């Protein structure tokens, strides 16, 4: 066995390991957090007065992310400016909507 063949075997092993890592990272990126996880994250951020993502705002308000997007388009829930392509909503706006939709007298 020459040294050249040994490097080919090593290269093949490295390629398999890297391929497995890439697949694991892709699977982790595709995994969606549960609704309970999103609600918990939203509660923590709201307690700190931090901005919420679209999925967190939807989980907190009990609506879909599509509904949040429609509210954004209608101006009911405006995005925080200055974050480029990241969509964030202020804690104040989310809490305002949550209190407006709460049952009266409860």
PDB file of N, CA and C in Angstrom:
ATOM      1  N   UNK A   1       0.852  -1.182   0.000  1.00  0.00           N
ATOM      2  CA  UNK A   1       0.000   0.000   0.000  1.00  0.00           C
ATOM      3  C   UNK A   1       0.890   1.234   0.000  1.00  0.00           C
ATOM      4  N   UNK A   2       0.697   2.068  -0.981  1.00  0.00           N
ATOM      5  CA  UNK A   2       1.523   3.270  -1.067  1.00  0.00           C
ATOM      6  C   UNK A   2       0.922   4.377  -0.205  1.00  0.00           C
ATOM      7  N   UNK A   3       1.717   5.398   0.047  1.00  0.00           N
ATOM      8  CA  UNK A   3       1.254   6.530   0.838  1.00  0.00           C
ATOM      9  C   UNK A   3       0.086   7.244   0.190  1.00  0.00           C
ATOM     10  N   UNK A   4       0.064   7.257  -1.112  1.00  0.00           N
ATOM     11  CA  UNK A   4      -1.008   7.939  -1.830  1.00  0.00           C
ATOM     12  C   UNK A   4      -2.370   7.293  -1.538  1.00  0.00           C
ATOM     13  N   UNK A   5      -2.411   5.962  -1.546  1.00  0.00           N
ATOM     14  CA  UNK A   5      -3.654   5.255  -1.243  1.00  0.00           C
ATOM     15  C   UNK A   5      -4.095   5.501   0.195  1.00  0.00           C
ATOM     16  N   UNK A   6      -3.157   5.627   1.091  1.00  0.00           N
ATOM     17  CA  UNK A   6      -3.478   5.920   2.485  1.00  0.00           C
ATOM     18  C   UNK A   6      -4.155   7.278   2.631  1.00  0.00           C
ATOM     19  N   UNK A   7      -3.707   8.245   1.866  1.00  0.00           N
ATOM     20  CA  UNK A   7      -4.338   9.563   1.913  1.00  0.00           C
ATOM     21  C   UNK A   7      -5.737   9.525   1.329  1.00  0.00           C
ATOM     22  N   UNK A   8      -5.951   8.721   0.301  1.00  0.00           N
ATOM     23  CA  UNK A   8      -7.294   8.589  -0.272  1.00  0.00           C
ATOM     24  C   UNK A   8      -8.266   8.036   0.762  1.00  0.00           C
ATOM     25  N   UNK A   9      -7.799   7.044   1.506  1.00  0.00           N
ATOM     26  CA  UNK A   9      -8.655   6.456   2.544  1.00  0.00           C
ATOM     27  C   UNK A   9      -8.953   7.496   3.631  1.00  0.00           C
ATOM     28  N   UNK A  10      -7.950   8.274   4.004  1.00  0.00           N
ATOM     29  CA  UNK A  10      -8.142   9.312   5.011  1.00  0.00           C
ATOM     30  C   UNK A  10      -9.096  10.392   4.490  1.00  0.00           C
ATOM     31  N   UNK A  11      -8.921  10.796   3.243  1.00  0.00           N
ATOM     32  CA  UNK A  11      -9.817  11.783   2.643  1.00  0.00           C
ATOM     33  C   UNK A  11     -11.258  11.283   2.609  1.00  0.00           C
ATOM     34  N   UNK A  12     -11.434  10.002   2.295  1.00  0.00           N
ATOM     35  CA  UNK A  12     -12.780   9.427   2.255  1.00  0.00           C
ATOM     36  C   UNK A  12     -13.401   9.426   3.645  1.00  0.00           C
ATOM     37  N   UNK A  13     -12.618   9.114   4.661  1.00  0.00           N
ATOM     38  CA  UNK A  13     -13.116   9.122   6.038  1.00  0.00           C
ATOM     39  C   UNK A  13     -13.513  10.533   6.464  1.00  0.00           C
ATOM     40  N   UNK A  14     -12.663  11.499   6.169  1.00  0.00           N
ATOM     41  CA  UNK A  14     -12.965  12.893   6.514  1.00  0.00           C
ATOM     42  C   UNK A  14     -14.236  13.335   5.797  1.00  0.00           C
ATOM     43  N   UNK A  15     -14.388  12.960   4.542  1.00  0.00           N
ATOM     44  CA  UNK A  15     -15.582  13.329   3.787  1.00  0.00           C
ATOM     45  C   UNK A  15     -16.837  12.728   4.411  1.00  0.00           C
ATOM     46  N   UNK A  16     -16.766  11.472   4.857  1.00  0.00           N
ATOM     47  CA  UNK A  16     -17.930  10.838   5.488  1.00  0.00           C
ATOM     48  C   UNK A  16     -18.282  11.520   6.804  1.00  0.00           C
ATOM     49  N   UNK A  17     -17.274  11.850   7.596  1.00  0.00           N
ATOM     50  CA  UNK A  17     -17.514  12.511   8.883  1.00  0.00           C
ATOM     51  C   UNK A  17     -18.134  13.888   8.659  1.00  0.00           C
ATOM     52  N   UNK A  18     -17.577  14.642   7.727  1.00  0.00           N
ATOM     53  CA  UNK A  18     -18.116  15.973   7.445  1.00  0.00           C
ATOM     54  C   UNK A  18     -19.531  15.889   6.889  1.00  0.00           C
ATOM     55  N   UNK A  19     -19.801  14.921   6.039  1.00  0.00           N
ATOM     56  CA  UNK A  19     -21.138  14.739   5.487  1.00  0.00           C
ATOM     57  C   UNK A  19     -22.141  14.433   6.592  1.00  0.00           C
ATOM     58  N   UNK A  20     -21.755  13.595   7.541  1.00  0.00           N
ATOM     59  CA  UNK A  20     -22.636  13.268   8.660  1.00  0.00           C
ATOM     60  C   UNK A  20     -22.906  14.504   9.513  1.00  0.00           C
ATOM     61  N   UNK A  21     -21.894  15.329   9.721  1.00  0.00           N
ATOM     62  CA  UNK A  21     -22.081  16.555  10.508  1.00  0.00           C
ATOM     63  C   UNK A  21     -23.006  17.540   9.800  1.00  0.00           C
ATOM     64  N   UNK A  22     -22.839  17.676   8.503  1.00  0.00           N
ATOM     65  CA  UNK A  22     -23.694  18.579   7.731  1.00  0.00           C
ATOM     66  C   UNK A  22     -25.145  18.114   7.796  1.00  0.00           C
ATOM     67  N   UNK A  23     -25.372  16.805   7.650  1.00  0.00           N
ATOM     68  CA  UNK A  23     -26.739  16.275   7.732  1.00  0.00           C
ATOM     69  C   UNK A  23     -27.346  16.524   9.100  1.00  0.00           C
ATOM     70  N   UNK A  24     -26.558  16.357  10.158  1.00  0.00           N
ATOM     71  CA  UNK A  24     -27.052  16.600  11.513  1.00  0.00           C
ATOM     72  C   UNK A  24     -27.405  18.070  11.713  1.00  0.00           C
ATOM     73  N   UNK A  25     -26.581  18.967  11.199  1.00  0.00           N
ATOM     74  CA  UNK A  25     -26.867  20.402  11.314  1.00  0.00           C
ATOM     75  C   UNK A  25     -28.096  20.791  10.509  1.00  0.00           C
ATOM     76  N   UNK A  26     -28.259  20.218   9.327  1.00  0.00           N
ATOM     77  CA  UNK A  26     -29.448  20.505   8.517  1.00  0.00           C
ATOM     78  C   UNK A  26     -30.704  20.025   9.217  1.00  0.00           C
ATOM     79  N   UNK A  27     -30.652  18.858   9.822  1.00  0.00           N
ATOM     80  CA  UNK A  27     -31.811  18.330  10.545  1.00  0.00           C
ATOM     81  C   UNK A  27     -32.149  19.216  11.737  1.00  0.00           C
ATOM     82  N   UNK A  28     -31.140  19.684  12.446  1.00  0.00           N
ATOM     83  CA  UNK A  28     -31.375  20.558  13.592  1.00  0.00           C
ATOM     84  C   UNK A  28     -31.967  21.890  13.154  1.00  0.00           C
ATOM     85  N   UNK A  29     -31.525  22.400  12.017  1.00  0.00           N
ATOM     86  CA  UNK A  29     -32.043  23.675  11.521  1.00  0.00           C
ATOM     87  C   UNK A  29     -33.492  23.548  11.075  1.00  0.00           C
ATOM     88  N   UNK A  30     -33.872  22.386  10.555  1.00  0.00           N
ATOM     89  CA  UNK A  30     -35.242  22.179  10.086  1.00  0.00           C
ATOM     90  C   UNK A  30     -36.215  21.891  11.215  1.00  0.00           C
ATOM     91  N   UNK A  31     -35.714  21.432  12.353  1.00  0.00           N
ATOM     92  CA  UNK A  31     -36.575  21.084  13.479  1.00  0.00           C
ATOM     93  C   UNK A  31     -37.235  22.348  14.022  1.00  0.00           C
ATOM     94  N   UNK A  32     -38.538  22.316  14.119  1.00  0.00           N
ATOM     95  CA  UNK A  32     -39.274  23.467  14.641  1.00  0.00           C
ATOM     96  C   UNK A  32     -39.427  23.328  16.148  1.00  0.00           C
ATOM     97  N   UNK A  33     -39.265  24.429  16.872  1.00  0.00           N
ATOM     98  CA  UNK A  33     -39.503  24.361  18.310  1.00  0.00           C
ATOM     99  C   UNK A  33     -41.001  24.157  18.565  1.00  0.00           C
ATOM    100  N   UNK A  34     -41.329  23.521  19.657  1.00  0.00           N
ATOM    101  CA  UNK A  34     -42.729  23.266  19.983  1.00  0.00           C
ATOM    102  C   UNK A  34     -43.423  24.572  20.379  1.00  0.00           C
ATOM    103  N   UNK A  35     -44.746  24.545  20.342  1.00  0.00           N
ATOM    104  CA  UNK A  35     -45.527  25.726  20.719  1.00  0.00           C
ATOM    105  C   UNK A  35     -45.255  26.096  22.176  1.00  0.00           C
ATOM    106  N   UNK A  36     -45.120  25.087  23.027  1.00  0.00           N
ATOM    107  CA  UNK A  36     -44.850  25.362  24.442  1.00  0.00           C
ATOM    108  C   UNK A  36     -43.494  26.036  24.610  1.00  0.00           C
ATOM    109  N   UNK A  37     -42.510  25.607  23.851  1.00  0.00           N
ATOM    110  CA  UNK A  37     -41.183  26.219  23.908  1.00  0.00           C
ATOM    111  C   UNK A  37     -41.247  27.666  23.443  1.00  0.00           C
ATOM    112  N   UNK A  38     -41.993  27.902  22.363  1.00  0.00           N
ATOM    113  CA  UNK A  38     -42.124  29.275  21.853  1.00  0.00           C
ATOM    114  C   UNK A  38     -42.856  30.166  22.851  1.00  0.00           C
ATOM    115  N   UNK A  39     -43.924  29.646  23.477  1.00  0.00           N
ATOM    116  CA  UNK A  39     -44.659  30.444  24.473  1.00  0.00           C
ATOM    117  C   UNK A  39     -43.759  30.778  25.651  1.00  0.00           C
ATOM    118  N   UNK A  40     -42.988  29.804  26.120  1.00  0.00           N
ATOM    119  CA  UNK A  40     -42.089  30.045  27.249  1.00  0.00           C
ATOM    120  C   UNK A  40     -41.040  31.090  26.887  1.00  0.00           C
ATOM    121  N   UNK A  41     -40.505  30.988  25.687  1.00  0.00           N
ATOM    122  CA  UNK A  41     -39.527  31.970  25.226  1.00  0.00           C
ATOM    123  C   UNK A  41     -40.148  33.359  25.146  1.00  0.00           C
ATOM    124  N   UNK A  42     -41.378  33.419  24.645  1.00  0.00           N
ATOM    125  CA  UNK A  42     -42.075  34.705  24.528  1.00  0.00           C
ATOM    126  C   UNK A  42     -42.324  35.311  25.907  1.00  0.00           C
ATOM    127  N   UNK A  43     -42.757  34.499  26.872  1.00  0.00           N
ATOM    128  CA  UNK A  43     -42.997  35.003  28.232  1.00  0.00           C
ATOM    129  C   UNK A  43     -41.721  35.568  28.837  1.00  0.00           C
ATOM    130  N   UNK A  44     -40.607  34.857  28.660  1.00  0.00           N
ATOM    131  CA  UNK A  44     -39.330  35.344  29.185  1.00  0.00           C
ATOM    132  C   UNK A  44     -38.937  36.669  28.552  1.00  0.00           C
ATOM    133  N   UNK A  45     -39.055  36.752  27.230  1.00  0.00           N
ATOM    134  CA  UNK A  45     -38.682  37.982  26.534  1.00  0.00           C
ATOM    135  C   UNK A  45     -39.596  39.135  26.920  1.00  0.00           C
ATOM    136  N   UNK A  46     -40.899  38.868  27.049  1.00  0.00           N
ATOM    137  CA  UNK A  46     -41.828  39.929  27.428  1.00  0.00           C
ATOM    138  C   UNK A  46     -41.536  40.436  28.836  1.00  0.00           C
ATOM    139  N   UNK A  47     -41.163  39.545  29.732  1.00  0.00           N
ATOM    140  CA  UNK A  47     -40.813  39.958  31.096  1.00  0.00           C
ATOM    141  C   UNK A  47     -39.601  40.882  31.097  1.00  0.00           C
ATOM    142  N   UNK A  48     -38.709  40.692  30.124  1.00  0.00           N
ATOM    143  CA  UNK A  48     -37.511  41.526  30.019  1.00  0.00           C
ATOM    144  C   UNK A  48     -37.738  42.749  29.132  1.00  0.00           C
ATOM    145  N   UNK A  49     -38.882  42.801  28.447  1.00  0.00           N
ATOM    146  CA  UNK A  49     -39.151  43.901  27.535  1.00  0.00           C
ATOM    147  C   UNK A  49     -38.409  43.765  26.211  1.00  0.00           C
ATOM    148  N   UNK A  50     -38.014  42.541  25.862  1.00  0.00           N
ATOM    149  CA  UNK A  50     -37.244  42.296  24.634  1.00  0.00           C
ATOM    150  C   UNK A  50     -38.178  42.084  23.446  1.00  0.00           C
ATOM    151  N   UNK A  51     -37.642  42.260  22.251  1.00  0.00           N
ATOM    152  CA  UNK A  51     -38.404  42.049  21.023  1.00  0.00           C
ATOM    153  C   UNK A  51     -38.663  40.573  20.785  1.00  0.00           C
ATOM    154  N   UNK A  52     -39.788  40.268  20.125  1.00  0.00           N
ATOM    155  CA  UNK A  52     -40.169  38.896  19.837  1.00  0.00           C
ATOM    156  C   UNK A  52     -40.091  38.614  18.348  1.00  0.00           C
ATOM    157  N   UNK A  53     -39.792  37.366  18.009  1.00  0.00           N
ATOM    158  CA  UNK A  53     -39.821  36.928  16.624  1.00  0.00           C
ATOM    159  C   UNK A  53     -41.268  36.661  16.228  1.00  0.00           C
ATOM    160  N   UNK A  54     -41.509  36.472  14.940  1.00  0.00           N
ATOM    161  CA  UNK A  54     -42.866  36.185  14.463  1.00  0.00           C
ATOM    162  C   UNK A  54     -43.430  34.916  15.103  1.00  0.00           C
ATOM    163  N   UNK A  55     -42.681  33.792  15.132  1.00  0.00           N
ATOM    164  CA  UNK A  55     -43.234  32.591  15.774  1.00  0.00           C
ATOM    165  C   UNK A  55     -43.515  32.777  17.269  1.00  0.00           C
ATOM    166  N   UNK A  56     -42.656  33.516  17.968  1.00  0.00           N
ATOM    167  CA  UNK A  56     -42.890  33.769  19.399  1.00  0.00           C
ATOM    168  C   UNK A  56     -44.133  34.626  19.607  1.00  0.00           C
ATOM    169  N   UNK A  57     -44.289  35.666  18.795  1.00  0.00           N
ATOM    170  CA  UNK A  57     -45.471  36.520  18.915  1.00  0.00           C
ATOM    171  C   UNK A  57     -46.739  35.721  18.631  1.00  0.00           C
ATOM    172  N   UNK A  58     -46.689  34.870  17.614  1.00  0.00           N
ATOM    173  CA  UNK A  58     -47.847  34.048  17.293  1.00  0.00           C
ATOM    174  C   UNK A  58     -48.190  33.083  18.405  1.00  0.00           C
ATOM    175  N   UNK A  59     -47.183  32.445  18.983  1.00  0.00           N
ATOM    176  CA  UNK A  59     -47.418  31.505  20.074  1.00  0.00           C
ATOM    177  C   UNK A  59     -47.997  32.220  21.285  1.00  0.00           C
ATOM    178  N   UNK A  60     -47.489  33.398  21.587  1.00  0.00           N
ATOM    179  CA  UNK A  60     -47.983  34.146  22.746  1.00  0.00           C
ATOM    180  C   UNK A  60     -49.431  34.595  22.552  1.00  0.00           C
ATOM    181  N   UNK A  61     -49.747  35.064  21.346  1.00  0.00           N
ATOM    182  CA  UNK A  61     -51.093  35.547  21.066  1.00  0.00           C
ATOM    183  C   UNK A  61     -52.059  34.420  20.708  1.00  0.00           C
ATOM    184  N   UNK A  62     -51.538  33.229  20.478  1.00  0.00           N
ATOM    185  CA  UNK A  62     -52.388  32.094  20.157  1.00  0.00           C
ATOM    186  C   UNK A  62     -52.894  32.099  18.722  1.00  0.00           C
ATOM    187  N   UNK A  63     -52.095  32.658  17.824  1.00  0.00           N
ATOM    188  CA  UNK A  63     -52.455  32.694  16.406  1.00  0.00           C
ATOM    189  C   UNK A  63     -51.282  32.164  15.584  1.00  0.00           C
ATOM    190  N   UNK A  64     -51.541  31.906  14.312  1.00  0.00           N
ATOM    191  CA  UNK A  64     -50.488  31.379  13.437  1.00  0.00           C
ATOM    192  C   UNK A  64     -49.511  32.482  13.039  1.00  0.00           C
ATOM    193  N   UNK A  65     -48.371  32.052  12.535  1.00  0.00           N
ATOM    194  CA  UNK A  65     -47.394  33.019  12.046  1.00  0.00           C
ATOM    195  C   UNK A  65     -47.938  33.730  10.807  1.00  0.00           C
ATOM    196  N   UNK A  66     -48.768  33.052  10.039  1.00  0.00           N
ATOM    197  CA  UNK A  66     -49.399  33.680   8.871  1.00  0.00           C
ATOM    198  C   UNK A  66     -50.320  34.822   9.318  1.00  0.00           C
ATOM    199  N   UNK A  67     -51.056  34.611  10.407  1.00  0.00           N
ATOM    200  CA  UNK A  67     -51.935  35.658  10.950  1.00  0.00           C
ATOM    201  C   UNK A  67     -51.087  36.838  11.435  1.00  0.00           C
ATOM    202  N   UNK A  68     -49.966  36.554  12.069  1.00  0.00           N
ATOM    203  CA  UNK A  68     -49.061  37.626  12.518  1.00  0.00           C
ATOM    204  C   UNK A  68     -48.572  38.416  11.310  1.00  0.00           C
ATOM    205  N   UNK A  69     -48.242  37.720  10.236  1.00  0.00           N
ATOM    206  CA  UNK A  69     -47.787  38.396   9.018  1.00  0.00           C
ATOM    207  C   UNK A  69     -48.896  39.278   8.443  1.00  0.00           C
ATOM    208  N   UNK A  70     -50.132  38.789   8.459  1.00  0.00           N
ATOM    209  CA  UNK A  70     -51.251  39.610   7.965  1.00  0.00           C
ATOM    210  C   UNK A  70     -51.475  40.828   8.852  1.00  0.00           C
ATOM    211  N   UNK A  71     -51.302  40.658  10.170  1.00  0.00           N
ATOM    212  CA  UNK A  71     -51.428  41.792  11.087  1.00  0.00           C
ATOM    213  C   UNK A  71     -50.323  42.812  10.825  1.00  0.00           C
ATOM    214  N   UNK A  72     -49.146  42.326  10.510  1.00  0.00           N
ATOM    215  CA  UNK A  72     -48.021  43.181  10.158  1.00  0.00           C
ATOM    216  C   UNK A  72     -48.360  43.970   8.890  1.00  0.00           C
ATOM    217  N   UNK A  73     -48.842  43.279   7.863  1.00  0.00           N
ATOM    218  CA  UNK A  73     -49.197  43.934   6.599  1.00  0.00           C
ATOM    219  C   UNK A  73     -50.294  44.978   6.788  1.00  0.00           C
ATOM    220  N   UNK A  74     -51.236  44.697   7.695  1.00  0.00           N
ATOM    221  CA  UNK A  74     -52.347  45.619   7.941  1.00  0.00           C
ATOM    222  C   UNK A  74     -51.951  46.780   8.854  1.00  0.00           C
ATOM    223  N   UNK A  75     -50.810  46.678   9.500  1.00  0.00           N
ATOM    224  CA  UNK A  75     -50.364  47.739  10.400  1.00  0.00           C
ATOM    225  C   UNK A  75     -50.843  47.555  11.826  1.00  0.00           C
ATOM    226  N   UNK A  76     -51.525  46.466  12.115  1.00  0.00           N
ATOM    227  CA  UNK A  76     -52.006  46.190  13.462  1.00  0.00           C
ATOM    228  C   UNK A  76     -50.864  45.843  14.410  1.00  0.00           C
ATOM    229  N   UNK A  77     -49.877  45.157  13.883  1.00  0.00           N
ATOM    230  CA  UNK A  77     -48.695  44.777  14.654  1.00  0.00           C
ATOM    231  C   UNK A  77     -47.466  45.166  13.837  1.00  0.00           C
ATOM    232  N   UNK A  78     -46.975  46.395  14.021  1.00  0.00           N
ATOM    233  CA  UNK A  78     -45.840  46.848  13.206  1.00  0.00           C
ATOM    234  C   UNK A  78     -44.525  46.197  13.621  1.00  0.00           C
ATOM    235  N   UNK A  79     -43.661  46.005  12.636  1.00  0.00           N
ATOM    236  CA  UNK A  79     -42.316  45.481  12.885  1.00  0.00           C
ATOM    237  C   UNK A  79     -41.466  46.535  13.569  1.00  0.00           C
ATOM    238  N   UNK A  80     -40.460  46.080  14.279  1.00  0.00           N
ATOM    239  CA  UNK A  80     -39.457  46.990  14.817  1.00  0.00           C
ATOM    240  C   UNK A  80     -38.562  47.415  13.660  1.00  0.00           C
ATOM    241  N   UNK A  81     -38.360  48.703  13.481  1.00  0.00           N
ATOM    242  CA  UNK A  81     -37.504  49.152  12.385  1.00  0.00           C
ATOM    243  C   UNK A  81     -36.027  48.955  12.715  1.00  0.00           C
ATOM    244  N   UNK A  82     -35.228  48.883  11.671  1.00  0.00           N
ATOM    245  CA  UNK A  82     -33.786  48.865  11.836  1.00  0.00           C
ATOM    246  C   UNK A  82     -33.159  47.495  12.010  1.00  0.00           C
ATOM    247  N   UNK A  83     -33.890  46.436  11.726  1.00  0.00           N
ATOM    248  CA  UNK A  83     -33.329  45.098  11.868  1.00  0.00           C
ATOM    249  C   UNK A  83     -33.139  44.410  10.529  1.00  0.00           C
ATOM    250  N   UNK A  84     -33.179  45.163   9.459  1.00  0.00           N
ATOM    251  CA  UNK A  84     -32.955  44.596   8.127  1.00  0.00           C
ATOM    252  C   UNK A  84     -34.016  43.585   7.771  1.00  0.00           C
ATOM    253  N   UNK A  85     -33.585  42.396   7.363  1.00  0.00           N
ATOM    254  CA  UNK A  85     -34.542  41.374   6.958  1.00  0.00           C
ATOM    255  C   UNK A  85     -35.063  40.559   8.143  1.00  0.00           C
ATOM    256  N   UNK A  86     -34.535  40.792   9.337  1.00  0.00           N
ATOM    257  CA  UNK A  86     -35.048  40.115  10.534  1.00  0.00           C
ATOM    258  C   UNK A  86     -36.369  40.734  10.926  1.00  0.00           C
ATOM    259  N   UNK A  87     -37.342  39.898  11.226  1.00  0.00           N
ATOM    260  CA  UNK A  87     -38.669  40.383  11.607  1.00  0.00           C
ATOM    261  C   UNK A  87     -38.813  40.257  13.111  1.00  0.00           C
ATOM    262  N   UNK A  88     -38.910  41.399  13.785  1.00  0.00           N
ATOM    263  CA  UNK A  88     -39.077  41.429  15.232  1.00  0.00           C
ATOM    264  C   UNK A  88     -40.208  42.386  15.585  1.00  0.00           C
ATOM    265  N   UNK A  89     -40.909  42.064  16.664  1.00  0.00           N
ATOM    266  CA  UNK A  89     -42.009  42.894  17.135  1.00  0.00           C
ATOM    267  C   UNK A  89     -41.714  43.322  18.564  1.00  0.00           C
ATOM    268  N   UNK A  90     -42.076  44.556  18.890  1.00  0.00           N
ATOM    269  CA  UNK A  90     -41.773  45.066  20.225  1.00  0.00           C
ATOM    270  C   UNK A  90     -42.679  44.414  21.258  1.00  0.00           C
ATOM    271  N   UNK A  91     -42.141  44.242  22.447  1.00  0.00           N
ATOM    272  CA  UNK A  91     -42.896  43.647  23.548  1.00  0.00           C
ATOM    273  C   UNK A  91     -44.139  44.477  23.834  1.00  0.00           C
ATOM    274  N   UNK A  92     -44.007  45.785  23.769  1.00  0.00           N
ATOM    275  CA  UNK A  92     -45.133  46.676  24.057  1.00  0.00           C
ATOM    276  C   UNK A  92     -46.297  46.430  23.102  1.00  0.00           C
ATOM    277  N   UNK A  93     -46.002  46.281  21.794  1.00  0.00           N
ATOM    278  CA  UNK A  93     -47.062  46.057  20.806  1.00  0.00           C
ATOM    279  C   UNK A  93     -47.730  44.699  20.988  1.00  0.00           C
ATOM    280  N   UNK A  94     -46.940  43.679  21.287  1.00  0.00           N
ATOM    281  CA  UNK A  94     -47.506  42.345  21.489  1.00  0.00           C
ATOM    282  C   UNK A  94     -48.390  42.326  22.737  1.00  0.00           C
ATOM    283  N   UNK A  95     -47.916  42.944  23.817  1.00  0.00           N
ATOM    284  CA  UNK A  95     -48.720  43.009  25.042  1.00  0.00           C
ATOM    285  C   UNK A  95     -49.989  43.828  24.844  1.00  0.00           C
ATOM    286  N   UNK A  96     -49.900  44.890  24.039  1.00  0.00           N
ATOM    287  CA  UNK A  96     -51.079  45.707  23.738  1.00  0.00           C
ATOM    288  C   UNK A  96     -52.142  44.860  23.037  1.00  0.00           C
ATOM    289  N   UNK A  97     -51.720  44.079  22.064  1.00  0.00           N
ATOM    290  CA  UNK A  97     -52.676  43.220  21.363  1.00  0.00           C
ATOM    291  C   UNK A  97     -53.232  42.139  22.274  1.00  0.00           C
ATOM    292  N   UNK A  98     -52.394  41.592  23.135  1.00  0.00           N
ATOM    293  CA  UNK A  98     -52.851  40.543  24.043  1.00  0.00           C
ATOM    294  C   UNK A  98     -53.895  41.081  25.016  1.00  0.00           C
ATOM    295  N   UNK A  99     -53.697  42.292  25.524  1.00  0.00           N
ATOM    296  CA  UNK A  99     -54.669  42.855  26.459  1.00  0.00           C
ATOM    297  C   UNK A  99     -55.938  43.289  25.755  1.00  0.00           C
ATOM    298  N   UNK A 100     -55.841  43.702  24.491  1.00  0.00           N
ATOM    299  CA  UNK A 100     -57.027  44.104  23.740  1.00  0.00           C
ATOM    300  C   UNK A 100     -57.904  42.913  23.400  1.00  0.00           C
ATOM    301  N   UNK A 101     -57.299  41.735  23.238  1.00  0.00           N
ATOM    302  CA  UNK A 101     -58.083  40.557  22.870  1.00  0.00           C
ATOM    303  C   UNK A 101     -58.488  39.738  24.080  1.00  0.00           C
ATOM    304  N   UNK A 102     -58.075  40.156  25.285  1.00  0.00           N
ATOM    305  CA  UNK A 102     -58.455  39.419  26.501  1.00  0.00           C
ATOM    306  C   UNK A 102     -59.936  39.625  26.764  1.00  0.00           C
ATOM    307  N   UNK A 103     -60.607  38.607  27.297  1.00  0.00           N
ATOM    308  CA  UNK A 103     -62.024  38.737  27.610  1.00  0.00           C
ATOM    309  C   UNK A 103     -62.257  39.831  28.652  1.00  0.00           C
ATOM    310  N   UNK A 104     -63.253  40.642  28.455  1.00  0.00           N
ATOM    311  CA  UNK A 104     -63.561  41.739  29.375  1.00  0.00           C
ATOM    312  C   UNK A 104     -64.189  41.172  30.653  1.00  0.00           C
ATOM    313  N   UNK A 105     -63.776  41.729  31.781  1.00  0.00           N
ATOM    314  CA  UNK A 105     -64.331  41.325  33.060  1.00  0.00           C
ATOM    315  C   UNK A 105     -63.729  40.032  33.598  1.00  0.00           C
ATOM    316  N   UNK A 106     -62.714  39.528  32.958  1.00  0.00           N
ATOM    317  CA  UNK A 106     -62.108  38.274  33.424  1.00  0.00           C
ATOM    318  C   UNK A 106     -61.026  38.551  34.429  1.00  0.00           C
TER     319      UNK A 106
END
